[in-house]
Amino acid sequence: MRIENLPDELFLYIFSFIEPKDLLKGWYNLNYHINMILRSVDIRINIKNNDDFNNSLPYFKHFCSQITHLKDERFFPNTQIDLRSLIKIRFLYLTHCSKEQYQHINPNNQPYLTHFFFSSLPWSFYERILFEQARFPYLISIGCPRGTSIYLLSVTNPINRTIRHLHLHSASNEIIYKFIQYLPSIISLTIDYLYTNSSSSPLLFTDSRVRRLNIVNSLSSQFHLEQLLLSVGFSDLTDLCITFDTCDFHQLAYTLTRFSCLKHFNLRVNTYHSGLNLIATRLMSPWFLSLNYEHIINRYSQKQAILINNIRK
């Protein structure tokens, strides 16, 4: 039996685990049959810096019409990617997006787009994508950069019921509350930086369908985060991942009793008092049973943090 006799479906499965450069160098032009299969492979490309882009340019050009996943993390790209060539793109993440690039982002050029995050687009772009008639028909996940979402507080927009996942770079409770009002079908919410608005007013109670909530860095106090959790009413919440600088474990234990559907809880506390009794704290809540220290090492310092990663059986 020769390798060419394997089913095409098996080839597609195998090729999905192989880097594009290895597909081009190791498999392309072996024979006509393999070339035909390669034309149907979904291509995923991750670019971290300009050297990555230069190295990936040959297979980027060759597979451009097959790229379904592109993550470009360059803050200062030497060469911009022509987004018009990405006709099958589904996942698109650009740390830097030029004016020319975002002018080419529309349903005609990227008709299959389902997920995208850009960190340098004007708020008018998001308004067009989220609230105007000409939308991406399959778009379910969107990421908004810092600063732009503040404009949502002072405008009135129609309801968008197609977005399922929202990723905010930075937001206050008020901004999150507004987004949930305008995007009521969100089931997954990620916030890189949660901050407190000094002029904030009390939040009115609303309900949400959010099941997964991830607060990567909390710049607000524990009180403001718990105020968000209780006022928004995450009655369907199953996964909660949060970070605190300091933590009142008694108050947090009480807050967690309000979420009867919770199945996975992850907590990281960066600083804590020296007399913290781990055993006594673990007894405060079933969710604290895995409470322990974690060593965090970076190039600046070596420190300990408290970590909880608990899954309800």
C-alpha atoms as a PDB file:
ATOM      1  CA  MET A   1       0.000   0.000   0.000  1.00  0.00           C
ATOM      2  CA  ARG A   2       1.289   3.448  -0.923  1.00  0.00           C
ATOM      3  CA  ILE A   3       0.686   6.634   1.016  1.00  0.00           C
ATOM      4  CA  GLU A   4      -1.193   8.105  -1.948  1.00  0.00           C
ATOM      5  CA  ASN A   5      -3.903   5.465  -1.428  1.00  0.00           C
ATOM      6  CA  LEU A   6      -4.919   6.855   1.967  1.00  0.00           C
ATOM      7  CA  PRO A   7      -8.341   8.569   2.042  1.00  0.00           C
ATOM      8  CA  ASP A   8      -8.350  12.291   1.289  1.00  0.00           C
ATOM      9  CA  GLU A   9     -10.128  12.920   4.622  1.00  0.00           C
ATOM     10  CA  LEU A  10      -7.188  11.370   6.491  1.00  0.00           C
ATOM     11  CA  PHE A  11      -4.742  13.563   4.578  1.00  0.00           C
ATOM     12  CA  LEU A  12      -6.769  16.661   5.484  1.00  0.00           C
ATOM     13  CA  TYR A  13      -6.752  15.628   9.138  1.00  0.00           C
ATOM     14  CA  ILE A  14      -2.981  15.020   9.153  1.00  0.00           C
ATOM     15  CA  PHE A  15      -2.244  18.241   7.292  1.00  0.00           C
ATOM     16  CA  SER A  16      -4.259  20.245   9.835  1.00  0.00           C
ATOM     17  CA  PHE A  17      -1.473  19.555  12.388  1.00  0.00           C
ATOM     18  CA  ILE A  18       1.398  20.552  10.082  1.00  0.00           C
ATOM     19  CA  GLU A  19       2.792  24.092   9.901  1.00  0.00           C
ATOM     20  CA  PRO A  20       2.165  25.896   6.575  1.00  0.00           C
ATOM     21  CA  LYS A  21       5.893  26.202   5.856  1.00  0.00           C
ATOM     22  CA  ASP A  22       6.289  22.414   6.222  1.00  0.00           C
ATOM     23  CA  LEU A  23       3.270  21.802   3.984  1.00  0.00           C
ATOM     24  CA  LEU A  24       4.825  23.985   1.292  1.00  0.00           C
ATOM     25  CA  LYS A  25       8.392  22.663   1.626  1.00  0.00           C
ATOM     26  CA  GLY A  26       7.668  19.019   2.401  1.00  0.00           C
ATOM     27  CA  TRP A  27       4.454  18.148   0.575  1.00  0.00           C
ATOM     28  CA  TYR A  28       3.792  20.592  -2.242  1.00  0.00           C
ATOM     29  CA  ASN A  29       4.580  19.322  -5.777  1.00  0.00           C
ATOM     30  CA  LEU A  30       5.035  15.685  -4.695  1.00  0.00           C
ATOM     31  CA  ASN A  31       2.292  14.814  -7.157  1.00  0.00           C
ATOM     32  CA  TYR A  32      -0.952  16.128  -8.601  1.00  0.00           C
ATOM     33  CA  HIS A  33      -3.135  14.276  -6.073  1.00  0.00           C
ATOM     34  CA  ILE A  34      -1.331  15.751  -3.026  1.00  0.00           C
ATOM     35  CA  ASN A  35      -1.437  19.224  -4.579  1.00  0.00           C
ATOM     36  CA  MET A  36      -5.203  18.971  -4.983  1.00  0.00           C
ATOM     37  CA  ILE A  37      -5.604  17.971  -1.324  1.00  0.00           C
ATOM     38  CA  LEU A  38      -3.352  20.822  -0.197  1.00  0.00           C
ATOM     39  CA  ARG A  39      -5.692  23.296  -1.922  1.00  0.00           C
ATOM     40  CA  SER A  40      -8.451  22.263   0.509  1.00  0.00           C
ATOM     41  CA  VAL A  41      -6.448  22.540   3.746  1.00  0.00           C
ATOM     42  CA  ASP A  42      -7.442  25.249   6.232  1.00  0.00           C
ATOM     43  CA  ILE A  43      -4.330  27.294   7.031  1.00  0.00           C
ATOM     44  CA  ARG A  44      -3.592  28.870  10.436  1.00  0.00           C
ATOM     45  CA  ILE A  45      -0.879  31.542  10.727  1.00  0.00           C
ATOM     46  CA  ASN A  46       0.470  33.241  13.861  1.00  0.00           C
ATOM     47  CA  ILE A  47       2.847  36.217  13.504  1.00  0.00           C
ATOM     48  CA  LYS A  48       4.588  37.595  16.597  1.00  0.00           C
ATOM     49  CA  ASN A  49       7.112  39.992  15.039  1.00  0.00           C
ATOM     50  CA  ASN A  50       8.418  41.303  11.711  1.00  0.00           C
ATOM     51  CA  ASP A  51      10.918  38.446  11.407  1.00  0.00           C
ATOM     52  CA  ASP A  52       8.045  35.972  11.715  1.00  0.00           C
ATOM     53  CA  PHE A  53       6.217  37.780   8.937  1.00  0.00           C
ATOM     54  CA  ASN A  54       9.246  37.828   6.644  1.00  0.00           C
ATOM     55  CA  ASN A  55       9.805  34.111   7.225  1.00  0.00           C
ATOM     56  CA  SER A  56       6.152  33.308   6.591  1.00  0.00           C
ATOM     57  CA  LEU A  57       5.780  35.484   3.477  1.00  0.00           C
ATOM     58  CA  PRO A  58       6.356  32.690   0.891  1.00  0.00           C
ATOM     59  CA  TYR A  59       3.675  30.367   2.268  1.00  0.00           C
ATOM     60  CA  PHE A  60       1.467  33.324   3.198  1.00  0.00           C
ATOM     61  CA  LYS A  61       1.324  34.268  -0.485  1.00  0.00           C
ATOM     62  CA  HIS A  62       0.897  30.674  -1.617  1.00  0.00           C
ATOM     63  CA  PHE A  63      -1.940  29.831   0.803  1.00  0.00           C
ATOM     64  CA  CYS A  64      -3.524  33.299   1.131  1.00  0.00           C
ATOM     65  CA  SER A  65      -6.923  32.201  -0.214  1.00  0.00           C
ATOM     66  CA  GLN A  66      -6.951  29.246   2.237  1.00  0.00           C
ATOM     67  CA  ILE A  67      -6.084  31.121   5.448  1.00  0.00           C
ATOM     68  CA  THR A  68      -8.898  30.676   7.956  1.00  0.00           C
ATOM     69  CA  HIS A  69      -7.025  31.791  11.102  1.00  0.00           C
ATOM     70  CA  LEU A  70      -4.640  34.760  11.264  1.00  0.00           C
ATOM     71  CA  LYS A  71      -3.181  36.281  14.421  1.00  0.00           C
ATOM     72  CA  ASP A  72      -0.784  39.183  13.817  1.00  0.00           C
ATOM     73  CA  GLU A  73       0.650  40.438  17.127  1.00  0.00           C
ATOM     74  CA  ARG A  74       3.036  43.028  15.647  1.00  0.00           C
ATOM     75  CA  PHE A  75       2.736  46.459  17.260  1.00  0.00           C
ATOM     76  CA  PHE A  76       4.812  48.102  14.518  1.00  0.00           C
ATOM     77  CA  PRO A  77       4.492  46.046  11.323  1.00  0.00           C
ATOM     78  CA  ASN A  78       6.983  46.854   8.599  1.00  0.00           C
ATOM     79  CA  THR A  79       4.638  45.436   5.982  1.00  0.00           C
ATOM     80  CA  GLN A  80       0.860  45.501   6.122  1.00  0.00           C
ATOM     81  CA  ILE A  81      -1.154  42.426   5.209  1.00  0.00           C
ATOM     82  CA  ASP A  82      -3.565  42.847   2.311  1.00  0.00           C
ATOM     83  CA  LEU A  83      -6.805  41.721   3.964  1.00  0.00           C
ATOM     84  CA  ARG A  84      -8.644  41.560   0.652  1.00  0.00           C
ATOM     85  CA  SER A  85      -6.806  38.324  -0.175  1.00  0.00           C
ATOM     86  CA  LEU A  86      -8.179  36.571   2.930  1.00  0.00           C
ATOM     87  CA  ILE A  87     -11.412  35.474   1.324  1.00  0.00           C
ATOM     88  CA  LYS A  88     -11.913  32.440   3.622  1.00  0.00           C
ATOM     89  CA  ILE A  89     -10.775  34.012   6.882  1.00  0.00           C
ATOM     90  CA  ARG A  90     -12.848  33.105   9.931  1.00  0.00           C
ATOM     91  CA  PHE A  91     -10.591  34.197  12.817  1.00  0.00           C
ATOM     92  CA  LEU A  92      -8.786  37.545  12.411  1.00  0.00           C
ATOM     93  CA  TYR A  93      -6.700  39.201  15.157  1.00  0.00           C
ATOM     94  CA  LEU A  94      -4.591  42.282  14.436  1.00  0.00           C
ATOM     95  CA  THR A  95      -2.725  44.105  17.191  1.00  0.00           C
ATOM     96  CA  HIS A  96      -2.200  47.007  14.800  1.00  0.00           C
ATOM     97  CA  CYS A  97      -4.684  47.780  12.046  1.00  0.00           C
ATOM     98  CA  SER A  98      -3.987  50.565   9.565  1.00  0.00           C
ATOM     99  CA  LYS A  99      -6.648  52.846   8.102  1.00  0.00           C
ATOM    100  CA  GLU A 100      -6.235  51.189   4.710  1.00  0.00           C
ATOM    101  CA  GLN A 101      -6.707  47.751   6.248  1.00  0.00           C
ATOM    102  CA  TYR A 102      -9.894  48.510   8.150  1.00  0.00           C
ATOM    103  CA  GLN A 103     -11.369  50.115   5.032  1.00  0.00           C
ATOM    104  CA  HIS A 104     -11.027  46.693   3.404  1.00  0.00           C
ATOM    105  CA  ILE A 105     -12.811  44.865   6.228  1.00  0.00           C
ATOM    106  CA  ASN A 106     -16.356  44.273   5.063  1.00  0.00           C
ATOM    107  CA  PRO A 107     -18.706  41.325   4.390  1.00  0.00           C
ATOM    108  CA  ASN A 108     -17.878  41.344   0.689  1.00  0.00           C
ATOM    109  CA  ASN A 109     -14.157  40.780   1.293  1.00  0.00           C
ATOM    110  CA  GLN A 110     -14.398  38.460   4.318  1.00  0.00           C
ATOM    111  CA  PRO A 111     -17.841  36.812   4.036  1.00  0.00           C
ATOM    112  CA  TYR A 112     -17.077  33.937   6.459  1.00  0.00           C
ATOM    113  CA  LEU A 113     -15.616  35.980   9.317  1.00  0.00           C
ATOM    114  CA  THR A 114     -16.758  34.691  12.714  1.00  0.00           C
ATOM    115  CA  HIS A 115     -14.174  36.101  15.170  1.00  0.00           C
ATOM    116  CA  PHE A 116     -12.148  39.286  15.089  1.00  0.00           C
ATOM    117  CA  PHE A 117     -10.181  41.535  17.440  1.00  0.00           C
ATOM    118  CA  PHE A 118      -8.374  44.748  16.504  1.00  0.00           C
ATOM    119  CA  SER A 119      -6.735  47.133  18.938  1.00  0.00           C
ATOM    120  CA  SER A 120      -6.471  50.309  16.860  1.00  0.00           C
ATOM    121  CA  LEU A 121      -9.789  50.912  15.137  1.00  0.00           C
ATOM    122  CA  PRO A 122     -12.113  53.914  15.525  1.00  0.00           C
ATOM    123  CA  TRP A 123     -15.375  53.389  17.364  1.00  0.00           C
ATOM    124  CA  SER A 124     -17.328  54.205  14.174  1.00  0.00           C
ATOM    125  CA  PHE A 125     -16.036  50.940  12.709  1.00  0.00           C
ATOM    126  CA  TYR A 126     -17.499  48.913  15.577  1.00  0.00           C
ATOM    127  CA  GLU A 127     -20.785  50.768  15.340  1.00  0.00           C
ATOM    128  CA  ARG A 128     -20.990  49.837  11.673  1.00  0.00           C
ATOM    129  CA  ILE A 129     -20.135  46.190  12.342  1.00  0.00           C
ATOM    130  CA  LEU A 130     -22.357  45.769  15.396  1.00  0.00           C
ATOM    131  CA  PHE A 131     -25.361  47.990  14.832  1.00  0.00           C
ATOM    132  CA  GLU A 132     -25.823  48.832  11.164  1.00  0.00           C
ATOM    133  CA  GLN A 133     -27.599  46.678   8.578  1.00  0.00           C
ATOM    134  CA  ALA A 134     -24.527  45.576   6.574  1.00  0.00           C
ATOM    135  CA  ARG A 135     -23.127  43.034   9.043  1.00  0.00           C
ATOM    136  CA  PHE A 136     -20.985  39.934   8.710  1.00  0.00           C
ATOM    137  CA  PRO A 137     -23.540  37.127   8.501  1.00  0.00           C
ATOM    138  CA  TYR A 138     -21.520  34.652  10.631  1.00  0.00           C
ATOM    139  CA  LEU A 139     -19.866  37.011  13.099  1.00  0.00           C
ATOM    140  CA  ILE A 140     -20.259  35.723  16.685  1.00  0.00           C
ATOM    141  CA  SER A 141     -17.162  37.067  18.472  1.00  0.00           C
ATOM    142  CA  ILE A 142     -15.757  40.601  18.598  1.00  0.00           C
ATOM    143  CA  GLY A 143     -12.977  42.343  20.505  1.00  0.00           C
ATOM    144  CA  CYS A 144     -12.962  46.077  21.245  1.00  0.00           C
ATOM    145  CA  PRO A 145      -9.809  48.052  22.088  1.00  0.00           C
ATOM    146  CA  ARG A 146      -9.219  50.426  24.959  1.00  0.00           C
ATOM    147  CA  GLY A 147     -10.951  53.782  24.937  1.00  0.00           C
ATOM    148  CA  THR A 148     -13.369  53.280  22.080  1.00  0.00           C
ATOM    149  CA  SER A 149     -16.114  51.567  24.066  1.00  0.00           C
ATOM    150  CA  ILE A 150     -16.608  54.676  26.235  1.00  0.00           C
ATOM    151  CA  TYR A 151     -18.636  56.188  23.382  1.00  0.00           C
ATOM    152  CA  LEU A 152     -21.220  53.484  23.882  1.00  0.00           C
ATOM    153  CA  LEU A 153     -22.353  55.212  27.079  1.00  0.00           C
ATOM    154  CA  SER A 154     -23.723  58.310  25.357  1.00  0.00           C
ATOM    155  CA  VAL A 155     -25.490  56.840  22.309  1.00  0.00           C
ATOM    156  CA  THR A 156     -28.580  54.813  21.545  1.00  0.00           C
ATOM    157  CA  ASN A 157     -28.107  51.773  19.340  1.00  0.00           C
ATOM    158  CA  PRO A 158     -30.324  48.921  18.180  1.00  0.00           C
ATOM    159  CA  ILE A 159     -30.018  45.486  19.759  1.00  0.00           C
ATOM    160  CA  ASN A 160     -27.587  42.976  18.261  1.00  0.00           C
ATOM    161  CA  ARG A 161     -28.519  39.359  19.049  1.00  0.00           C
ATOM    162  CA  THR A 162     -25.865  37.556  16.989  1.00  0.00           C
ATOM    163  CA  ILE A 163     -22.721  38.237  19.059  1.00  0.00           C
ATOM    164  CA  ARG A 164     -21.907  35.407  21.484  1.00  0.00           C
ATOM    165  CA  HIS A 165     -18.434  36.361  22.724  1.00  0.00           C
ATOM    166  CA  LEU A 166     -17.159  39.831  23.646  1.00  0.00           C
ATOM    167  CA  HIS A 167     -13.532  40.665  24.428  1.00  0.00           C
ATOM    168  CA  LEU A 168     -12.872  44.106  25.927  1.00  0.00           C
ATOM    169  CA  HIS A 169      -9.334  45.354  26.401  1.00  0.00           C
ATOM    170  CA  SER A 170     -10.381  47.701  29.211  1.00  0.00           C
ATOM    171  CA  ALA A 171     -13.766  48.556  30.671  1.00  0.00           C
ATOM    172  CA  SER A 172     -15.590  49.829  33.726  1.00  0.00           C
ATOM    173  CA  ASN A 173     -18.752  48.349  35.206  1.00  0.00           C
ATOM    174  CA  GLU A 174     -20.835  50.950  33.374  1.00  0.00           C
ATOM    175  CA  ILE A 175     -19.391  50.039  29.983  1.00  0.00           C
ATOM    176  CA  ILE A 176     -19.897  46.325  30.609  1.00  0.00           C
ATOM    177  CA  TYR A 177     -23.483  47.020  31.651  1.00  0.00           C
ATOM    178  CA  LYS A 178     -24.121  48.943  28.413  1.00  0.00           C
ATOM    179  CA  PHE A 179     -22.606  46.240  26.229  1.00  0.00           C
ATOM    180  CA  ILE A 180     -24.781  43.590  27.856  1.00  0.00           C
ATOM    181  CA  GLN A 181     -27.826  45.752  27.151  1.00  0.00           C
ATOM    182  CA  TYR A 182     -26.934  46.125  23.460  1.00  0.00           C
ATOM    183  CA  LEU A 183     -25.581  42.573  23.007  1.00  0.00           C
ATOM    184  CA  PRO A 184     -27.979  40.499  25.132  1.00  0.00           C
ATOM    185  CA  SER A 185     -26.996  37.142  23.563  1.00  0.00           C
ATOM    186  CA  ILE A 186     -23.409  37.213  24.880  1.00  0.00           C
ATOM    187  CA  ILE A 187     -22.514  33.945  26.637  1.00  0.00           C
ATOM    188  CA  SER A 188     -18.759  34.562  27.012  1.00  0.00           C
ATOM    189  CA  LEU A 189     -17.132  37.783  28.266  1.00  0.00           C
ATOM    190  CA  THR A 190     -13.388  38.487  28.578  1.00  0.00           C
ATOM    191  CA  ILE A 191     -12.007  41.726  30.052  1.00  0.00           C
ATOM    192  CA  ASP A 192      -8.257  42.364  30.046  1.00  0.00           C
ATOM    193  CA  TYR A 193      -8.387  45.319  32.462  1.00  0.00           C
ATOM    194  CA  LEU A 194     -11.332  46.129  34.727  1.00  0.00           C
ATOM    195  CA  TYR A 195     -11.145  49.622  36.182  1.00  0.00           C
ATOM    196  CA  THR A 196     -13.278  51.866  38.393  1.00  0.00           C
ATOM    197  CA  ASN A 197     -14.909  54.989  37.029  1.00  0.00           C
ATOM    198  CA  SER A 198     -14.643  57.671  39.734  1.00  0.00           C
ATOM    199  CA  SER A 199     -17.895  59.249  38.561  1.00  0.00           C
ATOM    200  CA  SER A 200     -19.751  55.953  38.426  1.00  0.00           C
ATOM    201  CA  SER A 201     -23.379  55.773  39.449  1.00  0.00           C
ATOM    202  CA  PRO A 202     -25.132  52.763  41.015  1.00  0.00           C
ATOM    203  CA  LEU A 203     -25.977  50.085  38.477  1.00  0.00           C
ATOM    204  CA  LEU A 204     -29.559  49.050  37.920  1.00  0.00           C
ATOM    205  CA  PHE A 205     -30.176  45.331  38.081  1.00  0.00           C
ATOM    206  CA  THR A 206     -30.252  43.524  34.760  1.00  0.00           C
ATOM    207  CA  ASP A 207     -29.998  39.901  33.731  1.00  0.00           C
ATOM    208  CA  SER A 208     -27.547  38.348  31.310  1.00  0.00           C
ATOM    209  CA  ARG A 209     -26.927  35.044  29.563  1.00  0.00           C
ATOM    210  CA  VAL A 210     -23.173  35.118  30.246  1.00  0.00           C
ATOM    211  CA  ARG A 211     -21.852  31.683  31.198  1.00  0.00           C
ATOM    212  CA  ARG A 212     -18.103  32.331  31.066  1.00  0.00           C
ATOM    213  CA  LEU A 213     -16.558  35.438  32.631  1.00  0.00           C
ATOM    214  CA  ASN A 214     -12.806  36.076  32.610  1.00  0.00           C
ATOM    215  CA  ILE A 215     -11.317  39.164  34.327  1.00  0.00           C
ATOM    216  CA  VAL A 216      -7.614  38.995  33.414  1.00  0.00           C
ATOM    217  CA  ASN A 217      -6.466  42.032  35.445  1.00  0.00           C
ATOM    218  CA  SER A 218      -8.685  43.770  37.969  1.00  0.00           C
ATOM    219  CA  LEU A 219      -7.622  47.383  38.497  1.00  0.00           C
ATOM    220  CA  SER A 220     -10.765  47.949  40.552  1.00  0.00           C
ATOM    221  CA  SER A 221     -11.407  46.963  44.127  1.00  0.00           C
ATOM    222  CA  GLN A 222     -12.978  43.647  45.012  1.00  0.00           C
ATOM    223  CA  PHE A 223     -16.116  45.565  45.988  1.00  0.00           C
ATOM    224  CA  HIS A 224     -16.630  46.955  42.470  1.00  0.00           C
ATOM    225  CA  LEU A 225     -16.171  43.560  40.859  1.00  0.00           C
ATOM    226  CA  GLU A 226     -18.645  41.967  43.251  1.00  0.00           C
ATOM    227  CA  GLN A 227     -21.025  44.852  42.595  1.00  0.00           C
ATOM    228  CA  LEU A 228     -20.813  43.996  38.899  1.00  0.00           C
ATOM    229  CA  LEU A 229     -21.396  40.292  39.545  1.00  0.00           C
ATOM    230  CA  LEU A 230     -24.449  40.892  41.717  1.00  0.00           C
ATOM    231  CA  SER A 231     -26.046  43.806  39.851  1.00  0.00           C
ATOM    232  CA  VAL A 232     -25.766  42.308  36.366  1.00  0.00           C
ATOM    233  CA  GLY A 233     -27.191  39.040  37.612  1.00  0.00           C
ATOM    234  CA  PHE A 234     -25.064  36.310  36.021  1.00  0.00           C
ATOM    235  CA  SER A 235     -27.644  33.643  36.815  1.00  0.00           C
ATOM    236  CA  ASP A 236     -26.289  31.248  34.131  1.00  0.00           C
ATOM    237  CA  LEU A 237     -22.621  31.671  35.087  1.00  0.00           C
ATOM    238  CA  THR A 238     -20.734  28.356  34.919  1.00  0.00           C
ATOM    239  CA  ASP A 239     -17.090  29.509  34.524  1.00  0.00           C
ATOM    240  CA  LEU A 240     -15.528  32.365  36.506  1.00  0.00           C
ATOM    241  CA  CYS A 241     -11.870  33.384  36.241  1.00  0.00           C
ATOM    242  CA  ILE A 242     -10.721  36.510  38.125  1.00  0.00           C
ATOM    243  CA  THR A 243      -7.564  38.207  39.425  1.00  0.00           C
ATOM    244  CA  PHE A 244      -7.296  40.374  42.550  1.00  0.00           C
ATOM    245  CA  ASP A 245      -4.419  42.352  44.013  1.00  0.00           C
ATOM    246  CA  THR A 246      -5.810  41.588  47.478  1.00  0.00           C
ATOM    247  CA  CYS A 247      -8.804  39.534  48.526  1.00  0.00           C
ATOM    248  CA  ASP A 248     -11.384  39.490  51.309  1.00  0.00           C
ATOM    249  CA  PHE A 249     -12.040  35.741  51.318  1.00  0.00           C
ATOM    250  CA  HIS A 250     -15.024  35.970  53.705  1.00  0.00           C
ATOM    251  CA  GLN A 251     -16.850  38.367  51.375  1.00  0.00           C
ATOM    252  CA  LEU A 252     -15.878  36.406  48.273  1.00  0.00           C
ATOM    253  CA  ALA A 253     -17.165  33.164  49.809  1.00  0.00           C
ATOM    254  CA  TYR A 254     -20.541  34.828  50.359  1.00  0.00           C
ATOM    255  CA  THR A 255     -20.643  36.187  46.806  1.00  0.00           C
ATOM    256  CA  LEU A 256     -19.970  32.760  45.295  1.00  0.00           C
ATOM    257  CA  THR A 257     -23.041  31.300  47.040  1.00  0.00           C
ATOM    258  CA  ARG A 258     -25.173  33.411  44.690  1.00  0.00           C
ATOM    259  CA  PHE A 259     -24.107  31.426  41.619  1.00  0.00           C
ATOM    260  CA  SER A 260     -25.833  28.068  41.750  1.00  0.00           C
ATOM    261  CA  CYS A 261     -24.765  27.066  38.214  1.00  0.00           C
ATOM    262  CA  LEU A 262     -21.028  27.671  38.782  1.00  0.00           C
ATOM    263  CA  LYS A 263     -18.892  24.689  37.732  1.00  0.00           C
ATOM    264  CA  HIS A 264     -15.383  26.101  37.323  1.00  0.00           C
ATOM    265  CA  PHE A 265     -13.760  28.788  39.473  1.00  0.00           C
ATOM    266  CA  ASN A 266     -10.265  30.168  38.990  1.00  0.00           C
ATOM    267  CA  LEU A 267      -8.834  32.882  41.265  1.00  0.00           C
ATOM    268  CA  ARG A 268      -5.424  34.492  41.473  1.00  0.00           C
ATOM    269  CA  VAL A 269      -4.475  36.864  44.305  1.00  0.00           C
ATOM    270  CA  ASN A 270      -1.230  38.778  43.789  1.00  0.00           C
ATOM    271  CA  THR A 271      -0.637  40.025  47.362  1.00  0.00           C
ATOM    272  CA  TYR A 272      -1.831  38.824  50.773  1.00  0.00           C
ATOM    273  CA  HIS A 273      -1.031  39.353  54.439  1.00  0.00           C
ATOM    274  CA  SER A 274       1.751  37.254  55.942  1.00  0.00           C
ATOM    275  CA  GLY A 275      -0.495  35.617  58.519  1.00  0.00           C
ATOM    276  CA  LEU A 276      -2.928  34.102  56.040  1.00  0.00           C
ATOM    277  CA  ASN A 277      -4.109  30.703  57.286  1.00  0.00           C
ATOM    278  CA  LEU A 278      -4.523  28.520  54.211  1.00  0.00           C
ATOM    279  CA  ILE A 279      -6.310  25.714  56.066  1.00  0.00           C
ATOM    280  CA  ALA A 280      -8.890  28.014  57.683  1.00  0.00           C
ATOM    281  CA  THR A 281      -9.448  29.868  54.421  1.00  0.00           C
ATOM    282  CA  ARG A 282     -10.047  26.641  52.517  1.00  0.00           C
ATOM    283  CA  LEU A 283     -12.921  25.843  54.904  1.00  0.00           C
ATOM    284  CA  MET A 284     -14.754  29.087  54.102  1.00  0.00           C
ATOM    285  CA  SER A 285     -16.128  27.783  50.808  1.00  0.00           C
ATOM    286  CA  PRO A 286     -16.127  24.565  48.789  1.00  0.00           C
ATOM    287  CA  TRP A 287     -14.588  26.650  46.020  1.00  0.00           C
ATOM    288  CA  PHE A 288     -11.533  27.387  48.185  1.00  0.00           C
ATOM    289  CA  LEU A 289     -10.516  23.742  48.689  1.00  0.00           C
ATOM    290  CA  SER A 290      -7.709  23.959  46.126  1.00  0.00           C
ATOM    291  CA  LEU A 291      -6.362  27.226  47.589  1.00  0.00           C
ATOM    292  CA  ASN A 292      -2.575  27.193  47.416  1.00  0.00           C
ATOM    293  CA  TYR A 293       0.525  29.220  46.622  1.00  0.00           C
ATOM    294  CA  GLU A 294       1.938  29.494  43.148  1.00  0.00           C
ATOM    295  CA  HIS A 295       5.483  30.576  42.336  1.00  0.00           C
ATOM    296  CA  ILE A 296       5.571  33.258  39.655  1.00  0.00           C
ATOM    297  CA  ILE A 297       8.921  33.947  38.047  1.00  0.00           C
ATOM    298  CA  ASN A 298       9.569  36.693  35.546  1.00  0.00           C
ATOM    299  CA  ARG A 299      12.642  38.614  34.492  1.00  0.00           C
ATOM    300  CA  TYR A 300      12.061  41.275  37.134  1.00  0.00           C
ATOM    301  CA  SER A 301      11.244  39.328  40.290  1.00  0.00           C
ATOM    302  CA  GLN A 302      10.351  36.040  41.853  1.00  0.00           C
ATOM    303  CA  LYS A 303       7.235  36.085  43.988  1.00  0.00           C
ATOM    304  CA  GLN A 304       4.368  34.017  45.279  1.00  0.00           C
ATOM    305  CA  ALA A 305       0.702  34.414  44.517  1.00  0.00           C
ATOM    306  CA  ILE A 306      -2.367  32.607  45.809  1.00  0.00           C
ATOM    307  CA  LEU A 307      -4.077  30.435  43.252  1.00  0.00           C
ATOM    308  CA  ILE A 308      -7.405  28.608  43.164  1.00  0.00           C
ATOM    309  CA  ASN A 309      -8.345  26.380  40.259  1.00  0.00           C
ATOM    310  CA  ASN A 310     -11.381  24.347  41.225  1.00  0.00           C
ATOM    311  CA  ILE A 311     -13.876  22.325  39.203  1.00  0.00           C
ATOM    312  CA  ARG A 312     -17.110  21.054  40.654  1.00  0.00           C
ATOM    313  CA  LYS A 313     -17.459  17.307  40.104  1.00  0.00           C
END
